[in-house]
Amino acid sequence: MTSFSIEPMTATVGVEIEGIDLAAPIGDWVARSLRQALHRHGVLIFRDQIAMTRAHQADFARIFGDIVRSPLGLIADPDVVEIVHDETRPPTENIWHVDHSFSPAPPRGAVLRAIELPTAGGDTLFADMRIVWRRLPEAVQTALRGLDAVHDIAKCAPAACAAELRTAAPPTCHPVMKVHPATGEEILFVNEAYTTGFDGLDEKDGTVLLGYLLDQIRIPEVQCRLRWHPGTIAVWDNRSMQHYATSDYFPQRRVMDRVTIA
């Protein structure tokens, strides 16, 4: 049986896990323990995984669930999407978001691996939406229960491609308060990148409410911040976390490999 240690990143969210080689086979006990840790802490960080390959990364992701293949997947490694930003491809993930919240069934999570990093910057922030929900006043929680929010893939897209995007992925609704299927915890499920308003709520009132809720995500007490190093691996629970990739390194180069979990 493999033993490992867990070190908190903050008092509330995220942990660094030491003592596991992700390039080696992972036994059932470790896999079960990591799933439990992900449900509890939301974000798992592994350092110095230099020997890890794309095949290892995909195998590791499978302990959390099936893999979603993207049309952007690599030809040689279709489970993996290579994310490259440099002076010709500026970063675009610097907005708080839940991956694919515009989908009827957003991904469970993702495994992200640092390949090439700028000399400084490019950190990723995570916000725990369970904590955000618990911090809301009881009267606000009561008002939000039973309310659905609209999620639109084209909210932040250029106007020229908005119609095409909406044809491929029409706007969808999700409950504003979701329940985590593994833990039963309540989660605030709105985000800046894709949430446009609330079903059945006056647009003006909806704009004020959405702005208030999005402000709660920006509070440092609900966040942790990851500074990447070569060989760093991050796993996050897309059901309970939001993330924000800072773009302060532009125009330097940053390359990451990502595997998405269904």
Protein backbone atom coordinates (compact mmCIF):
# COMPACT_ATOMS: atom_id res chain seq x y z
CA MET A 1 0.00 0.00 0.00
CA THR A 2 1.40 3.39 -1.03
CA SER A 3 1.41 6.12 1.59
CA PHE A 4 1.25 9.82 0.82
CA SER A 5 0.87 13.10 2.64
CA ILE A 6 -1.59 15.95 2.18
CA GLU A 7 -0.58 19.57 2.84
CA PRO A 8 -3.24 22.32 2.77
CA MET A 9 -2.75 25.16 0.28
CA THR A 10 -5.04 27.38 2.34
CA ALA A 11 -7.21 26.90 5.40
CA THR A 12 -10.26 26.32 3.20
CA VAL A 13 -9.50 25.00 -0.28
CA GLY A 14 -6.86 23.03 -2.17
CA VAL A 15 -4.14 20.60 -1.09
CA GLU A 16 -0.69 19.55 -2.28
CA ILE A 17 -0.13 15.80 -2.29
CA GLU A 18 3.34 14.38 -1.79
CA GLY A 19 4.65 10.83 -2.07
CA ILE A 20 2.92 9.62 -5.24
CA ASP A 21 4.67 9.01 -8.57
CA LEU A 22 1.97 9.58 -11.19
CA ALA A 23 4.10 7.88 -13.85
CA ALA A 24 3.74 4.60 -11.94
CA PRO A 25 0.61 2.42 -11.69
CA ILE A 26 -1.87 3.69 -9.10
CA GLY A 27 -3.49 1.05 -6.93
CA ASP A 28 -7.15 0.89 -5.99
CA TRP A 29 -6.62 2.17 -2.44
CA VAL A 30 -4.68 5.24 -3.62
CA ALA A 31 -7.21 5.91 -6.40
CA ARG A 32 -10.10 5.74 -3.94
CA SER A 33 -8.25 8.00 -1.49
CA LEU A 34 -7.53 10.57 -4.20
CA ARG A 35 -11.16 10.64 -5.29
CA GLN A 36 -12.18 11.25 -1.68
CA ALA A 37 -9.54 13.98 -1.36
CA LEU A 38 -10.79 15.67 -4.52
CA HIS A 39 -14.37 15.66 -3.27
CA ARG A 40 -13.28 17.11 0.06
CA HIS A 41 -10.69 19.68 -1.01
CA GLY A 42 -11.74 20.54 -4.58
CA VAL A 43 -8.18 20.94 -5.94
CA LEU A 44 -5.27 18.47 -5.81
CA ILE A 45 -1.73 19.56 -6.69
CA PHE A 46 1.17 17.20 -7.41
CA ARG A 47 4.72 18.54 -7.79
CA ASP A 48 7.85 17.29 -9.59
CA GLN A 49 6.07 14.80 -11.86
CA ILE A 50 8.85 15.14 -14.44
CA ALA A 51 8.61 11.53 -15.66
CA MET A 52 4.91 11.84 -16.47
CA THR A 53 3.98 11.44 -20.14
CA ARG A 54 0.73 12.20 -21.96
CA ALA A 55 -0.20 8.52 -21.71
CA HIS A 56 0.43 8.61 -17.95
CA GLN A 57 -1.67 11.75 -17.67
CA ALA A 58 -4.62 10.11 -19.43
CA ASP A 59 -4.30 6.97 -17.29
CA PHE A 60 -4.24 9.10 -14.16
CA ALA A 61 -7.32 11.06 -15.24
CA ARG A 62 -9.26 7.82 -15.66
CA ILE A 63 -9.17 7.12 -11.93
CA PHE A 64 -11.61 10.06 -11.59
CA GLY A 65 -13.89 9.13 -14.51
CA ASP A 66 -14.13 8.64 -18.25
CA ILE A 67 -12.21 10.98 -20.54
CA VAL A 68 -13.95 13.47 -22.84
CA ARG A 69 -12.18 13.72 -26.17
CA SER A 70 -12.12 17.16 -27.76
CA PRO A 71 -11.98 17.98 -31.48
CA LEU A 72 -8.83 19.88 -30.48
CA GLY A 73 -7.15 16.72 -29.17
CA LEU A 74 -3.71 15.83 -30.48
CA ILE A 75 -3.56 13.38 -33.39
CA ALA A 76 -1.00 11.22 -31.63
CA ASP A 77 -2.67 11.59 -28.21
CA PRO A 78 -6.40 12.25 -28.77
CA ASP A 79 -7.17 12.26 -25.04
CA VAL A 80 -4.93 15.32 -24.59
CA VAL A 81 -5.47 18.95 -25.62
CA GLU A 82 -2.32 21.06 -25.84
CA ILE A 83 -2.95 24.66 -24.72
CA VAL A 84 -0.37 27.05 -26.15
CA HIS A 85 -0.22 30.79 -25.51
CA ASP A 86 2.50 33.10 -26.80
CA GLU A 87 2.91 36.40 -28.60
CA THR A 88 0.78 35.20 -31.53
CA ARG A 89 -1.83 33.39 -29.39
CA PRO A 90 -2.74 35.59 -26.40
CA PRO A 91 -4.22 33.87 -23.34
CA THR A 92 -8.00 33.98 -23.00
CA GLU A 93 -8.74 32.08 -19.79
CA ASN A 94 -8.35 35.09 -17.49
CA ILE A 95 -11.98 35.11 -16.39
CA TRP A 96 -13.66 33.16 -13.60
CA HIS A 97 -15.41 30.18 -15.12
CA VAL A 98 -16.74 26.66 -14.83
CA ASP A 99 -15.61 24.60 -17.80
CA HIS A 100 -18.46 24.15 -20.29
CA SER A 101 -21.20 25.29 -17.93
CA PHE A 102 -23.12 26.04 -21.15
CA SER A 103 -23.40 22.27 -21.68
CA PRO A 104 -26.33 20.25 -20.28
CA ALA A 105 -23.70 18.00 -18.64
CA PRO A 106 -20.52 19.97 -17.84
CA PRO A 107 -17.30 18.00 -17.25
CA ARG A 108 -16.63 16.46 -13.85
CA GLY A 109 -13.13 17.88 -13.78
CA ALA A 110 -9.76 18.10 -15.50
CA VAL A 111 -6.11 17.17 -15.14
CA LEU A 112 -3.72 19.93 -16.22
CA ARG A 113 0.05 19.46 -16.61
CA ALA A 114 2.67 22.19 -16.93
CA ILE A 115 4.90 21.66 -19.98
CA GLU A 116 6.53 25.04 -20.64
CA LEU A 117 6.25 28.07 -18.40
CA PRO A 118 7.06 31.78 -18.56
CA THR A 119 9.83 33.14 -16.36
CA ALA A 120 7.16 34.51 -14.02
CA GLY A 121 3.39 34.73 -13.88
CA GLY A 122 0.74 32.46 -15.33
CA ASP A 123 -0.64 31.35 -11.97
CA THR A 124 -4.06 29.68 -11.76
CA LEU A 125 -6.59 30.64 -9.10
CA PHE A 126 -9.40 28.41 -7.86
CA ALA A 127 -12.55 29.43 -5.99
CA ASP A 128 -14.60 27.00 -3.92
CA MET A 129 -18.25 27.53 -4.77
CA ARG A 130 -19.40 25.50 -1.75
CA ILE A 131 -17.79 28.08 0.50
CA VAL A 132 -19.23 30.92 -1.59
CA TRP A 133 -22.71 29.44 -1.13
CA ARG A 134 -22.26 29.00 2.63
CA ARG A 135 -21.16 32.63 3.00
CA LEU A 136 -24.31 33.99 1.38
CA PRO A 137 -26.92 35.45 3.76
CA GLU A 138 -29.74 33.02 4.52
CA ALA A 139 -32.28 35.33 2.87
CA VAL A 140 -30.26 35.29 -0.36
CA GLN A 141 -29.95 31.50 -0.25
CA THR A 142 -33.71 31.23 0.18
CA ALA A 143 -34.33 33.52 -2.80
CA LEU A 144 -31.95 31.49 -4.99
CA ARG A 145 -33.39 28.06 -4.23
CA GLY A 146 -35.49 26.89 -7.16
CA LEU A 147 -34.08 29.58 -9.46
CA ASP A 148 -32.40 28.60 -12.74
CA ALA A 149 -29.58 30.50 -14.44
CA VAL A 150 -29.00 30.73 -18.18
CA HIS A 151 -25.54 29.72 -19.48
CA ASP A 152 -24.48 30.86 -22.96
CA ILE A 153 -21.32 29.73 -24.79
CA ALA A 154 -21.25 33.00 -26.75
CA LYS A 155 -21.46 35.42 -23.83
CA CYS A 156 -17.83 36.54 -24.16
CA ALA A 157 -17.30 35.48 -27.78
CA PRO A 158 -16.79 37.89 -30.70
CA ALA A 159 -20.11 38.94 -32.18
CA ALA A 160 -19.13 37.58 -35.60
CA CYS A 161 -19.10 33.98 -34.37
CA ALA A 162 -21.81 34.14 -31.69
CA ALA A 163 -24.62 32.74 -33.85
CA GLU A 164 -22.48 29.82 -35.03
CA LEU A 165 -21.49 28.99 -31.48
CA ARG A 166 -25.09 29.07 -30.25
CA THR A 167 -26.16 26.79 -33.09
CA ALA A 168 -23.54 24.24 -32.03
CA ALA A 169 -24.30 24.67 -28.31
CA PRO A 170 -27.63 26.40 -27.57
CA PRO A 171 -27.95 28.24 -24.23
CA THR A 172 -28.97 25.98 -21.38
CA CYS A 173 -30.27 26.40 -17.83
CA HIS A 174 -28.84 25.03 -14.60
CA PRO A 175 -30.09 25.44 -11.03
CA VAL A 176 -28.41 28.36 -9.31
CA MET A 177 -27.92 26.10 -6.30
CA LYS A 178 -26.63 22.68 -7.33
CA VAL A 179 -26.06 19.70 -5.04
CA HIS A 180 -22.73 17.87 -5.38
CA PRO A 181 -23.61 14.31 -6.41
CA ALA A 182 -20.83 12.73 -4.35
CA THR A 183 -20.96 14.79 -1.15
CA GLY A 184 -24.46 16.28 -1.01
CA GLU A 185 -22.97 19.76 -0.47
CA GLU A 186 -24.73 22.80 -1.87
CA ILE A 187 -22.89 24.79 -4.54
CA LEU A 188 -23.45 28.20 -6.12
CA PHE A 189 -23.48 27.53 -9.86
CA VAL A 190 -23.08 30.79 -11.77
CA ASN A 191 -19.94 32.12 -13.43
CA GLU A 192 -18.71 35.22 -15.19
CA ALA A 193 -17.75 33.58 -18.49
CA TYR A 194 -21.05 31.95 -19.39
CA THR A 195 -23.92 32.95 -17.06
CA THR A 196 -26.09 35.63 -18.66
CA GLY A 197 -29.14 35.87 -16.41
CA PHE A 198 -31.93 34.01 -14.66
CA ASP A 199 -34.88 32.18 -16.14
CA GLY A 200 -38.13 34.02 -15.38
CA LEU A 201 -36.42 36.96 -13.62
CA ASP A 202 -36.66 40.56 -14.82
CA GLU A 203 -33.50 41.45 -16.78
CA LYS A 204 -32.68 44.49 -14.66
CA ASP A 205 -33.11 42.58 -11.39
CA GLY A 206 -31.19 39.66 -12.85
CA THR A 207 -28.25 41.87 -13.79
CA VAL A 208 -28.02 43.24 -10.24
CA LEU A 209 -28.30 39.77 -8.70
CA LEU A 210 -25.73 38.24 -11.02
CA GLY A 211 -23.29 41.06 -10.35
CA TYR A 212 -23.67 40.55 -6.60
CA LEU A 213 -23.10 36.80 -6.85
CA LEU A 214 -20.06 37.16 -9.11
CA ASP A 215 -18.51 39.59 -6.63
CA GLN A 216 -18.57 36.85 -3.97
CA ILE A 217 -16.26 34.69 -6.09
CA ARG A 218 -13.56 37.38 -6.05
CA ILE A 219 -13.14 37.24 -2.26
CA PRO A 220 -9.68 35.79 -1.37
CA GLU A 221 -11.05 33.77 1.56
CA VAL A 222 -12.78 31.39 -0.87
CA GLN A 223 -9.71 30.97 -3.12
CA CYS A 224 -6.36 29.30 -3.45
CA ARG A 225 -3.60 30.24 -5.92
CA LEU A 226 -1.34 27.80 -7.75
CA ARG A 227 2.14 28.84 -8.85
CA TRP A 228 3.20 26.41 -11.52
CA HIS A 229 6.61 24.74 -11.86
CA PRO A 230 7.74 22.25 -14.52
CA GLY A 231 6.17 18.89 -13.71
CA THR A 232 3.29 20.35 -11.68
CA ILE A 233 -0.05 18.57 -12.08
CA ALA A 234 -3.40 20.05 -11.03
CA VAL A 235 -6.70 18.19 -10.71
CA TRP A 236 -9.87 20.10 -9.92
CA ASP A 237 -13.52 19.26 -9.37
CA ASN A 238 -15.38 21.28 -12.01
CA ARG A 239 -18.65 20.71 -10.14
CA SER A 240 -17.59 22.64 -7.04
CA MET A 241 -14.70 24.84 -8.22
CA GLN A 242 -14.20 27.76 -10.56
CA HIS A 243 -10.81 28.73 -11.94
CA TYR A 244 -9.04 31.74 -13.44
CA ALA A 245 -5.74 31.54 -15.36
CA THR A 246 -3.85 34.81 -15.02
CA SER A 247 -2.48 36.27 -18.27
CA ASP A 248 0.21 38.46 -16.74
CA TYR A 249 2.99 36.64 -18.65
CA PHE A 250 2.00 37.79 -22.16
CA PRO A 251 3.78 37.76 -24.61
CA GLN A 252 5.91 34.99 -23.10
CA ARG A 253 5.15 31.36 -23.90
CA ARG A 254 3.07 29.02 -21.70
CA VAL A 255 2.24 25.45 -22.72
CA MET A 256 -0.06 23.10 -20.81
CA ASP A 257 -1.47 19.64 -21.50
CA ARG A 258 -5.06 19.07 -20.45
CA VAL A 259 -7.25 15.99 -20.09
CA THR A 260 -10.96 16.51 -19.41
CA ILE A 261 -13.02 14.14 -17.25
CA ALA A 262 -16.63 13.39 -18.24
